Amino acid sequence: MDELHSISEDRYRHIRKQLTNDREIRELSELFKVLCDPTRLRIILALKDQELCVHDLAALADTSESNTSHQLRILRNLRLVNSRREGKQVFYHLEDAHITNLIRDVRNHLQEEKDR
């Protein structure tokens, strides 16, 4: 144990254990990296309450359908969105509510900071 900290050795070990799960740290880092893109964030927010197709998502995110498809592929790879086919149309939806809960919590935090 380093001599530079003032917490107990048990507490130090507990915290270090949480910080050394490299796989989890990489996954969290990747998720936050994905969320920092404005287009992807707009897509997630647009899908919060309904399914939408690429055409509608592109219009709502103010970007091309090609770029929207690329962003959806990234979101799908992280299992944040999923799709279903209806004829020739593909509709996208959020995989679960965790991501919208995270965004809601961040919005609440930002609002609290503004209110101070």
Protein backbone atom coordinates (compact mmCIF):
# COMPACT_ATOMS: atom_id res chain seq x y z
CA MET A 1 0.00 0.00 0.00
CA ASP A 2 1.31 3.45 -0.95
CA GLU A 3 2.14 5.85 1.84
CA LEU A 4 0.47 8.77 0.02
CA HIS A 5 -3.16 7.96 0.82
CA SER A 6 -5.01 8.26 4.09
CA ILE A 7 -7.72 5.61 3.76
CA SER A 8 -7.53 2.26 5.49
CA GLU A 9 -5.74 -0.59 3.80
CA ASP A 10 -8.98 -2.59 3.48
CA ARG A 11 -10.77 0.34 1.88
CA TYR A 12 -7.80 0.94 -0.40
CA ARG A 13 -7.86 -2.70 -1.60
CA HIS A 14 -11.63 -2.56 -2.13
CA ILE A 15 -11.38 0.56 -4.29
CA ARG A 16 -8.36 -0.72 -6.22
CA LYS A 17 -10.24 -3.94 -6.98
CA GLN A 18 -13.06 -1.89 -8.54
CA LEU A 19 -10.57 0.06 -10.66
CA THR A 20 -8.62 -2.90 -11.96
CA ASN A 21 -11.37 -4.73 -13.82
CA ASP A 22 -9.85 -3.83 -17.18
CA ARG A 23 -12.61 -5.41 -19.23
CA GLU A 24 -15.33 -3.47 -17.44
CA ILE A 25 -13.34 -0.23 -17.64
CA ARG A 26 -12.90 -0.72 -21.41
CA GLU A 27 -16.63 -1.47 -21.86
CA LEU A 28 -17.65 1.60 -19.87
CA SER A 29 -15.18 3.73 -21.77
CA GLU A 30 -16.52 2.46 -25.10
CA LEU A 31 -20.11 3.17 -24.07
CA PHE A 32 -19.32 6.75 -23.04
CA LYS A 33 -17.29 7.24 -26.22
CA VAL A 34 -20.30 6.15 -28.28
CA LEU A 35 -22.64 8.42 -26.34
CA CYS A 36 -20.48 11.50 -26.86
CA ASP A 37 -21.37 11.64 -30.57
CA PRO A 38 -24.26 14.12 -31.13
CA THR A 39 -25.81 12.13 -33.98
CA ARG A 40 -25.89 8.90 -31.98
CA LEU A 41 -27.30 10.73 -28.99
CA ARG A 42 -30.05 12.24 -31.17
CA ILE A 43 -30.88 8.77 -32.51
CA ILE A 44 -31.12 7.35 -29.00
CA LEU A 45 -33.34 10.20 -27.86
CA ALA A 46 -35.57 9.83 -30.93
CA LEU A 47 -36.00 6.12 -30.18
CA LYS A 48 -36.83 6.74 -26.52
CA ASP A 49 -40.57 6.19 -26.91
CA GLN A 50 -41.08 4.64 -30.36
CA GLU A 51 -39.67 2.61 -33.20
CA LEU A 52 -38.43 4.50 -36.23
CA CYS A 53 -37.00 3.64 -39.64
CA VAL A 54 -33.67 4.91 -40.98
CA HIS A 55 -35.40 7.51 -43.17
CA ASP A 56 -37.22 9.08 -40.21
CA LEU A 57 -34.17 8.86 -37.94
CA ALA A 58 -32.01 10.58 -40.57
CA ALA A 59 -34.51 13.42 -40.86
CA LEU A 60 -34.80 13.79 -37.08
CA ALA A 61 -31.02 13.67 -36.57
CA ASP A 62 -30.48 16.05 -39.51
CA THR A 63 -28.03 13.75 -41.27
CA SER A 64 -27.93 11.42 -44.27
CA GLU A 65 -29.49 7.97 -44.31
CA SER A 66 -26.04 6.52 -44.98
CA ASN A 67 -24.60 8.21 -41.88
CA THR A 68 -27.65 7.20 -39.85
CA SER A 69 -27.20 3.56 -40.90
CA HIS A 70 -23.52 3.75 -39.92
CA GLN A 71 -24.41 5.19 -36.50
CA LEU A 72 -27.11 2.55 -35.99
CA ARG A 73 -24.57 -0.18 -36.73
CA ILE A 74 -22.33 1.21 -33.97
CA LEU A 75 -25.27 1.37 -31.56
CA ARG A 76 -26.33 -2.16 -32.51
CA ASN A 77 -22.80 -3.48 -31.90
CA LEU A 78 -23.04 -2.21 -28.31
CA ARG A 79 -26.52 -3.71 -28.00
CA LEU A 80 -28.09 -0.30 -27.41
CA VAL A 81 -30.55 -0.62 -30.30
CA ASN A 82 -32.18 -3.52 -32.08
CA SER A 83 -34.27 -3.81 -35.22
CA ARG A 84 -37.19 -5.64 -36.70
CA ARG A 85 -38.15 -6.02 -40.33
CA GLU A 86 -41.62 -5.31 -41.63
CA GLY A 87 -41.67 -6.06 -45.35
CA LYS A 88 -38.90 -3.98 -46.91
CA GLN A 89 -38.86 -1.56 -43.99
CA VAL A 90 -36.54 -1.95 -40.97
CA PHE A 91 -37.63 -0.36 -37.72
CA TYR A 92 -35.22 0.38 -34.89
CA HIS A 93 -35.91 0.53 -31.17
CA LEU A 94 -33.89 0.83 -27.98
CA GLU A 95 -32.78 -2.50 -26.60
CA ASP A 96 -33.73 -1.54 -23.02
CA ALA A 97 -34.41 1.45 -20.78
CA HIS A 98 -30.99 1.56 -19.15
CA ILE A 99 -29.57 3.99 -21.68
CA THR A 100 -32.50 6.39 -21.41
CA ASN A 101 -32.25 6.20 -17.61
CA LEU A 102 -28.56 7.13 -17.87
CA ILE A 103 -29.38 10.08 -20.13
CA ARG A 104 -32.20 11.18 -17.82
CA ASP A 105 -29.83 11.09 -14.84
CA VAL A 106 -27.23 13.17 -16.68
CA ARG A 107 -29.90 15.68 -17.72
CA ASN A 108 -31.04 15.93 -14.09
CA HIS A 109 -27.46 16.47 -12.99
CA LEU A 110 -26.97 19.23 -15.57
CA GLN A 111 -30.21 20.91 -14.52
CA GLU A 112 -29.22 20.78 -10.85
CA GLU A 113 -25.89 22.41 -11.74
CA LYS A 114 -27.72 25.19 -13.63
CA ASP A 115 -30.06 25.76 -10.70
CA ARG A 116 -27.17 26.31 -8.26
